[in-house]
Every structure is written in structure tokens, then in C-alpha cells.
């Protein structure tokens, strides 16, 4: 069963409370999403560490309930 966008957002916000999260359903199928996540906590961290933090928030749902996630991260401007 596909994962709803609001559930993805809630998981990320639970793990990274100060994050600004935008989720876009890329294919309209509830299975392929893009996530744009910015957080002050990402400051000074390389992009790979930022991505790892987001993927850790999603846990084992990646590849299961959540088939594909195109991820961009950064710090707020």
C-alpha cells in the first residue's frame, strides 16, 4: 500500500522538528515522491549527512511502503 505524502512529512518532522518540508507526488500514484527538506540543523553538515538524516527518519519504509523518493536538502536562507 502506498504511503501518503502527509505521513512522509510527519515522519521527517518528528525526527527533524525544525525542518521545513515540502512533499510532491511526482507520478500521482502515491508511490513516487520528491521531498525538499531544509533545516537549521543541517548547517555545517555535508549533503550526504543531511540526506542520511532524512532517510533515517523514514526508516525501513524506503523500498517498501515508500517506493521512490527524490530528495533535496539544505539550510534555510
PDB file of N, CA and C in Angstrom:
ATOM      1  N   UNK A   1       0.845  -1.178   0.000  1.00  0.00           N
ATOM      2  CA  UNK A   1       0.000   0.000   0.000  1.00  0.00           C
ATOM      3  C   UNK A   1       0.892   1.243   0.000  1.00  0.00           C
ATOM      4  N   UNK A   2       0.611   2.211  -0.854  1.00  0.00           N
ATOM      5  CA  UNK A   2       1.418   3.429  -0.925  1.00  0.00           C
ATOM      6  C   UNK A   2       1.352   4.240   0.371  1.00  0.00           C
ATOM      7  N   UNK A   3       2.370   5.043   0.563  1.00  0.00           N
ATOM      8  CA  UNK A   3       2.454   5.891   1.751  1.00  0.00           C
ATOM      9  C   UNK A   3       1.958   7.297   1.386  1.00  0.00           C
ATOM     10  N   UNK A   4       1.015   7.853   2.127  1.00  0.00           N
ATOM     11  CA  UNK A   4       0.529   9.210   1.844  1.00  0.00           C
ATOM     12  C   UNK A   4       1.602  10.273   2.126  1.00  0.00           C
ATOM     13  N   UNK A   5       1.552  11.348   1.353  1.00  0.00           N
ATOM     14  CA  UNK A   5       2.523  12.431   1.492  1.00  0.00           C
ATOM     15  C   UNK A   5       2.541  13.006   2.911  1.00  0.00           C
ATOM     16  N   UNK A   6       1.370  13.138   3.540  1.00  0.00           N
ATOM     17  CA  UNK A   6       1.341  13.724   4.880  1.00  0.00           C
ATOM     18  C   UNK A   6       2.027  12.831   5.909  1.00  0.00           C
ATOM     19  N   UNK A   7       2.037  11.527   5.676  1.00  0.00           N
ATOM     20  CA  UNK A   7       2.741  10.621   6.580  1.00  0.00           C
ATOM     21  C   UNK A   7       4.260  10.762   6.420  1.00  0.00           C
ATOM     22  N   UNK A   8       4.715  10.930   5.184  1.00  0.00           N
ATOM     23  CA  UNK A   8       6.151  11.157   4.941  1.00  0.00           C
ATOM     24  C   UNK A   8       6.580  12.430   5.653  1.00  0.00           C
ATOM     25  N   UNK A   9       5.797  13.491   5.474  1.00  0.00           N
ATOM     26  CA  UNK A   9       6.104  14.771   6.106  1.00  0.00           C
ATOM     27  C   UNK A   9       6.124  14.645   7.627  1.00  0.00           C
ATOM     28  N   UNK A  10       5.161  13.941   8.192  1.00  0.00           N
ATOM     29  CA  UNK A  10       5.082  13.776   9.651  1.00  0.00           C
ATOM     30  C   UNK A  10       6.298  13.024  10.190  1.00  0.00           C
ATOM     31  N   UNK A  11       6.740  11.991   9.490  1.00  0.00           N
ATOM     32  CA  UNK A  11       7.919  11.238   9.931  1.00  0.00           C
ATOM     33  C   UNK A  11       9.173  12.107   9.926  1.00  0.00           C
ATOM     34  N   UNK A  12       9.327  12.904   8.869  1.00  0.00           N
ATOM     35  CA  UNK A  12      10.501  13.779   8.779  1.00  0.00           C
ATOM     36  C   UNK A  12      10.447  14.836   9.875  1.00  0.00           C
ATOM     37  N   UNK A  13       9.288  15.450  10.073  1.00  0.00           N
ATOM     38  CA  UNK A  13       9.152  16.492  11.110  1.00  0.00           C
ATOM     39  C   UNK A  13       9.349  15.929  12.520  1.00  0.00           C
ATOM     40  N   UNK A  14       8.960  14.685  12.739  1.00  0.00           N
ATOM     41  CA  UNK A  14       9.149  14.069  14.059  1.00  0.00           C
ATOM     42  C   UNK A  14      10.639  13.903  14.366  1.00  0.00           C
ATOM     43  N   UNK A  15      11.421  13.573  13.344  1.00  0.00           N
ATOM     44  CA  UNK A  15      12.854  13.352  13.538  1.00  0.00           C
ATOM     45  C   UNK A  15      13.665  14.641  13.468  1.00  0.00           C
ATOM     46  N   UNK A  16      13.171  15.606  12.682  1.00  0.00           N
ATOM     47  CA  UNK A  16      13.865  16.882  12.489  1.00  0.00           C
ATOM     48  C   UNK A  16      12.831  17.985  12.738  1.00  0.00           C
ATOM     49  N   UNK A  17      12.572  18.299  14.006  1.00  0.00           N
ATOM     50  CA  UNK A  17      11.444  19.188  14.359  1.00  0.00           C
ATOM     51  C   UNK A  17      11.497  20.588  13.743  1.00  0.00           C
ATOM     52  N   UNK A  18      12.703  21.100  13.476  1.00  0.00           N
ATOM     53  CA  UNK A  18      12.785  22.462  12.929  1.00  0.00           C
ATOM     54  C   UNK A  18      12.785  22.476  11.398  1.00  0.00           C
ATOM     55  N   UNK A  19      12.500  21.355  10.774  1.00  0.00           N
ATOM     56  CA  UNK A  19      12.553  21.244   9.316  1.00  0.00           C
ATOM     57  C   UNK A  19      11.355  21.885   8.638  1.00  0.00           C
ATOM     58  N   UNK A  20      11.634  22.470   7.488  1.00  0.00           N
ATOM     59  CA  UNK A  20      10.588  22.883   6.552  1.00  0.00           C
ATOM     60  C   UNK A  20      10.539  21.779   5.513  1.00  0.00           C
ATOM     61  N   UNK A  21       9.373  21.191   5.304  1.00  0.00           N
ATOM     62  CA  UNK A  21       9.245  20.015   4.444  1.00  0.00           C
ATOM     63  C   UNK A  21       8.191  20.272   3.368  1.00  0.00           C
ATOM     64  N   UNK A  22       8.574  20.015   2.121  1.00  0.00           N
ATOM     65  CA  UNK A  22       7.637  20.080   1.005  1.00  0.00           C
ATOM     66  C   UNK A  22       7.674  18.735   0.294  1.00  0.00           C
ATOM     67  N   UNK A  23       6.530  18.083   0.189  1.00  0.00           N
ATOM     68  CA  UNK A  23       6.428  16.788  -0.463  1.00  0.00           C
ATOM     69  C   UNK A  23       5.597  16.954  -1.748  1.00  0.00           C
ATOM     70  N   UNK A  24       6.103  16.414  -2.848  1.00  0.00           N
ATOM     71  CA  UNK A  24       5.402  16.467  -4.124  1.00  0.00           C
ATOM     72  C   UNK A  24       5.227  15.047  -4.652  1.00  0.00           C
ATOM     73  N   UNK A  25       4.010  14.689  -5.023  1.00  0.00           N
ATOM     74  CA  UNK A  25       3.730  13.384  -5.630  1.00  0.00           C
ATOM     75  C   UNK A  25       4.079  13.509  -7.117  1.00  0.00           C
ATOM     76  N   UNK A  26       5.161  12.876  -7.530  1.00  0.00           N
ATOM     77  CA  UNK A  26       5.686  13.057  -8.881  1.00  0.00           C
ATOM     78  C   UNK A  26       4.855  12.381  -9.960  1.00  0.00           C
ATOM     79  N   UNK A  27       4.261  11.249  -9.645  1.00  0.00           N
ATOM     80  CA  UNK A  27       3.554  10.481 -10.664  1.00  0.00           C
ATOM     81  C   UNK A  27       2.044  10.404 -10.420  1.00  0.00           C
ATOM     82  N   UNK A  28       1.584  10.972  -9.310  1.00  0.00           N
ATOM     83  CA  UNK A  28       0.159  10.910  -8.995  1.00  0.00           C
ATOM     84  C   UNK A  28      -0.290   9.537  -8.534  1.00  0.00           C
ATOM     85  N   UNK A  29       0.699   8.674  -8.197  1.00  0.00           N
ATOM     86  CA  UNK A  29       0.352   7.307  -7.821  1.00  0.00           C
ATOM     87  C   UNK A  29       0.576   7.007  -6.338  1.00  0.00           C
ATOM     88  N   UNK A  30       1.005   8.029  -5.566  1.00  0.00           N
ATOM     89  CA  UNK A  30       1.255   7.818  -4.151  1.00  0.00           C
ATOM     90  C   UNK A  30       2.444   6.924  -3.889  1.00  0.00           C
ATOM     91  N   UNK A  31       3.316   6.782  -4.870  1.00  0.00           N
ATOM     92  CA  UNK A  31       4.442   5.860  -4.765  1.00  0.00           C
ATOM     93  C   UNK A  31       5.778   6.501  -5.115  1.00  0.00           C
ATOM     94  N   UNK A  32       5.748   7.612  -5.846  1.00  0.00           N
ATOM     95  CA  UNK A  32       6.964   8.286  -6.297  1.00  0.00           C
ATOM     96  C   UNK A  32       6.880   9.758  -5.879  1.00  0.00           C
ATOM     97  N   UNK A  33       7.717  10.123  -4.915  1.00  0.00           N
ATOM     98  CA  UNK A  33       7.660  11.465  -4.342  1.00  0.00           C
ATOM     99  C   UNK A  33       8.980  12.210  -4.503  1.00  0.00           C
ATOM    100  N   UNK A  34       8.869  13.524  -4.420  1.00  0.00           N
ATOM    101  CA  UNK A  34      10.029  14.392  -4.256  1.00  0.00           C
ATOM    102  C   UNK A  34       9.861  15.067  -2.899  1.00  0.00           C
ATOM    103  N   UNK A  35      10.948  15.171  -2.158  1.00  0.00           N
ATOM    104  CA  UNK A  35      10.919  15.859  -0.867  1.00  0.00           C
ATOM    105  C   UNK A  35      11.998  16.931  -0.865  1.00  0.00           C
ATOM    106  N   UNK A  36      11.607  18.116  -0.457  1.00  0.00           N
ATOM    107  CA  UNK A  36      12.558  19.214  -0.270  1.00  0.00           C
ATOM    108  C   UNK A  36      12.536  19.517   1.229  1.00  0.00           C
ATOM    109  N   UNK A  37      13.676  19.336   1.873  1.00  0.00           N
ATOM    110  CA  UNK A  37      13.767  19.486   3.325  1.00  0.00           C
ATOM    111  C   UNK A  37      14.876  20.472   3.658  1.00  0.00           C
ATOM    112  N   UNK A  38      14.518  21.545   4.361  1.00  0.00           N
ATOM    113  CA  UNK A  38      15.528  22.475   4.853  1.00  0.00           C
ATOM    114  C   UNK A  38      15.443  22.519   6.369  1.00  0.00           C
ATOM    115  N   UNK A  39      16.604  22.675   6.993  1.00  0.00           N
ATOM    116  CA  UNK A  39      16.647  22.711   8.450  1.00  0.00           C
ATOM    117  C   UNK A  39      17.905  23.441   8.910  1.00  0.00           C
ATOM    118  N   UNK A  40      17.765  24.290   9.927  1.00  0.00           N
ATOM    119  CA  UNK A  40      18.959  24.907  10.507  1.00  0.00           C
ATOM    120  C   UNK A  40      19.938  23.867  11.045  1.00  0.00           C
ATOM    121  N   UNK A  41      19.434  22.705  11.438  1.00  0.00           N
ATOM    122  CA  UNK A  41      20.305  21.656  11.977  1.00  0.00           C
ATOM    123  C   UNK A  41      21.227  21.067  10.911  1.00  0.00           C
ATOM    124  N   UNK A  42      20.968  21.354   9.647  1.00  0.00           N
ATOM    125  CA  UNK A  42      21.833  20.874   8.566  1.00  0.00           C
ATOM    126  C   UNK A  42      23.072  21.748   8.384  1.00  0.00           C
ATOM    127  N   UNK A  43      23.106  22.905   9.025  1.00  0.00           N
ATOM    128  CA  UNK A  43      24.240  23.823   8.859  1.00  0.00           C
ATOM    129  C   UNK A  43      25.552  23.123   9.218  1.00  0.00           C
ATOM    130  N   UNK A  44      26.531  23.256   8.335  1.00  0.00           N
ATOM    131  CA  UNK A  44      27.844  22.684   8.567  1.00  0.00           C
ATOM    132  C   UNK A  44      27.943  21.203   8.248  1.00  0.00           C
ATOM    133  N   UNK A  45      26.828  20.584   7.864  1.00  0.00           N
ATOM    134  CA  UNK A  45      26.837  19.155   7.537  1.00  0.00           C
ATOM    135  C   UNK A  45      26.906  18.985   6.023  1.00  0.00           C
ATOM    136  N   UNK A  46      27.702  18.024   5.563  1.00  0.00           N
ATOM    137  CA  UNK A  46      27.711  17.770   4.119  1.00  0.00           C
ATOM    138  C   UNK A  46      26.353  17.235   3.669  1.00  0.00           C
ATOM    139  N   UNK A  47      26.081  17.382   2.390  1.00  0.00           N
ATOM    140  CA  UNK A  47      24.776  16.978   1.855  1.00  0.00           C
ATOM    141  C   UNK A  47      24.475  15.503   2.144  1.00  0.00           C
ATOM    142  N   UNK A  48      25.477  14.650   2.087  1.00  0.00           N
ATOM    143  CA  UNK A  48      25.240  13.221   2.355  1.00  0.00           C
ATOM    144  C   UNK A  48      24.739  13.010   3.785  1.00  0.00           C
ATOM    145  N   UNK A  49      25.259  13.778   4.735  1.00  0.00           N
ATOM    146  CA  UNK A  49      24.795  13.669   6.126  1.00  0.00           C
ATOM    147  C   UNK A  49      23.363  14.191   6.254  1.00  0.00           C
ATOM    148  N   UNK A  50      23.041  15.237   5.500  1.00  0.00           N
ATOM    149  CA  UNK A  50      21.676  15.759   5.505  1.00  0.00           C
ATOM    150  C   UNK A  50      20.706  14.698   4.972  1.00  0.00           C
ATOM    151  N   UNK A  51      21.087  14.061   3.875  1.00  0.00           N
ATOM    152  CA  UNK A  51      20.234  13.031   3.278  1.00  0.00           C
ATOM    153  C   UNK A  51      20.085  11.836   4.209  1.00  0.00           C
ATOM    154  N   UNK A  52      21.185  11.442   4.858  1.00  0.00           N
ATOM    155  CA  UNK A  52      21.122  10.317   5.797  1.00  0.00           C
ATOM    156  C   UNK A  52      20.155  10.606   6.932  1.00  0.00           C
ATOM    157  N   UNK A  53      20.111  11.854   7.406  1.00  0.00           N
ATOM    158  CA  UNK A  53      19.191  12.225   8.487  1.00  0.00           C
ATOM    159  C   UNK A  53      17.738  12.053   8.045  1.00  0.00           C
ATOM    160  N   UNK A  54      17.447  12.453   6.812  1.00  0.00           N
ATOM    161  CA  UNK A  54      16.075  12.321   6.299  1.00  0.00           C
ATOM    162  C   UNK A  54      15.725  10.845   6.097  1.00  0.00           C
ATOM    163  N   UNK A  55      16.633  10.092   5.488  1.00  0.00           N
ATOM    164  CA  UNK A  55      16.354   8.671   5.263  1.00  0.00           C
ATOM    165  C   UNK A  55      16.235   7.912   6.583  1.00  0.00           C
ATOM    166  N   UNK A  56      17.003   8.314   7.589  1.00  0.00           N
ATOM    167  CA  UNK A  56      16.877   7.682   8.912  1.00  0.00           C
ATOM    168  C   UNK A  56      15.483   7.940   9.483  1.00  0.00           C
ATOM    169  N   UNK A  57      14.942   9.122   9.240  1.00  0.00           N
ATOM    170  CA  UNK A  57      13.595   9.447   9.722  1.00  0.00           C
ATOM    171  C   UNK A  57      12.547   8.536   9.091  1.00  0.00           C
ATOM    172  N   UNK A  58      12.795   8.109   7.859  1.00  0.00           N
ATOM    173  CA  UNK A  58      11.837   7.262   7.144  1.00  0.00           C
ATOM    174  C   UNK A  58      12.037   5.783   7.454  1.00  0.00           C
ATOM    175  N   UNK A  59      13.195   5.448   7.992  1.00  0.00           N
ATOM    176  CA  UNK A  59      13.466   4.083   8.426  1.00  0.00           C
ATOM    177  C   UNK A  59      13.309   3.052   7.332  1.00  0.00           C
ATOM    178  N   UNK A  60      12.737   1.920   7.697  1.00  0.00           N
ATOM    179  CA  UNK A  60      12.622   0.799   6.761  1.00  0.00           C
ATOM    180  C   UNK A  60      11.468   0.955   5.775  1.00  0.00           C
ATOM    181  N   UNK A  61      10.842   2.107   5.769  1.00  0.00           N
ATOM    182  CA  UNK A  61       9.740   2.324   4.824  1.00  0.00           C
ATOM    183  C   UNK A  61      10.257   2.521   3.400  1.00  0.00           C
ATOM    184  N   UNK A  62      11.519   2.989   3.271  1.00  0.00           N
ATOM    185  CA  UNK A  62      12.115   3.156   1.949  1.00  0.00           C
ATOM    186  C   UNK A  62      12.235   1.783   1.290  1.00  0.00           C
ATOM    187  N   UNK A  63      11.786   1.709   0.054  1.00  0.00           N
ATOM    188  CA  UNK A  63      11.839   0.444  -0.661  1.00  0.00           C
ATOM    189  C   UNK A  63      10.650  -0.452  -0.363  1.00  0.00           C
ATOM    190  N   UNK A  64       9.871  -0.085   0.637  1.00  0.00           N
ATOM    191  CA  UNK A  64       8.670  -0.843   0.976  1.00  0.00           C
ATOM    192  C   UNK A  64       7.450  -0.005   0.665  1.00  0.00           C
ATOM    193  N   UNK A  65       6.878   0.596   1.732  1.00  0.00           N
ATOM    194  CA  UNK A  65       5.720   1.473   1.557  1.00  0.00           C
ATOM    195  C   UNK A  65       6.046   2.661   0.663  1.00  0.00           C
ATOM    196  N   UNK A  66       7.276   3.131   0.775  1.00  0.00           N
ATOM    197  CA  UNK A  66       7.733   4.289   0.005  1.00  0.00           C
ATOM    198  C   UNK A  66       8.700   3.792  -1.054  1.00  0.00           C
ATOM    199  N   UNK A  67       8.226   3.742  -2.281  1.00  0.00           N
ATOM    200  CA  UNK A  67       8.998   3.133  -3.356  1.00  0.00           C
ATOM    201  C   UNK A  67      10.157   4.012  -3.819  1.00  0.00           C
ATOM    202  N   UNK A  68       9.902   5.297  -4.064  1.00  0.00           N
ATOM    203  CA  UNK A  68      10.941   6.177  -4.603  1.00  0.00           C
ATOM    204  C   UNK A  68      10.803   7.572  -4.010  1.00  0.00           C
ATOM    205  N   UNK A  69      11.957   8.138  -3.645  1.00  0.00           N
ATOM    206  CA  UNK A  69      11.971   9.491  -3.088  1.00  0.00           C
ATOM    207  C   UNK A  69      13.136  10.265  -3.685  1.00  0.00           C
ATOM    208  N   UNK A  70      12.799  11.313  -4.409  1.00  0.00           N
ATOM    209  CA  UNK A  70      13.802  12.235  -4.945  1.00  0.00           C
ATOM    210  C   UNK A  70      14.008  13.293  -3.871  1.00  0.00           C
ATOM    211  N   UNK A  71      15.205  13.373  -3.296  1.00  0.00           N
ATOM    212  CA  UNK A  71      15.438  14.191  -2.118  1.00  0.00           C
ATOM    213  C   UNK A  71      16.384  15.349  -2.403  1.00  0.00           C
ATOM    214  N   UNK A  72      15.976  16.544  -1.971  1.00  0.00           N
ATOM    215  CA  UNK A  72      16.876  17.693  -1.937  1.00  0.00           C
ATOM    216  C   UNK A  72      16.846  18.250  -0.519  1.00  0.00           C
ATOM    217  N   UNK A  73      18.003  18.650  -0.044  1.00  0.00           N
ATOM    218  CA  UNK A  73      18.100  19.187   1.317  1.00  0.00           C
ATOM    219  C   UNK A  73      18.931  20.460   1.297  1.00  0.00           C
ATOM    220  N   UNK A  74      18.833  21.216   2.373  1.00  0.00           N
ATOM    221  CA  UNK A  74      19.630  22.425   2.511  1.00  0.00           C
ATOM    222  C   UNK A  74      19.322  23.129   3.816  1.00  0.00           C
ATOM    223  N   UNK A  75      19.960  24.269   3.979  1.00  0.00           N
ATOM    224  CA  UNK A  75      19.688  25.095   5.148  1.00  0.00           C
ATOM    225  C   UNK A  75      18.816  26.267   4.702  1.00  0.00           C
ATOM    226  N   UNK A  76      17.969  26.763   5.593  1.00  0.00           N
ATOM    227  CA  UNK A  76      17.090  27.882   5.212  1.00  0.00           C
ATOM    228  C   UNK A  76      17.925  29.122   4.881  1.00  0.00           C
ATOM    229  N   UNK A  77      17.410  29.915   3.960  1.00  0.00           N
ATOM    230  CA  UNK A  77      18.100  31.146   3.598  1.00  0.00           C
ATOM    231  C   UNK A  77      17.488  32.332   4.287  1.00  0.00           C
TER     232      UNK A  77
END
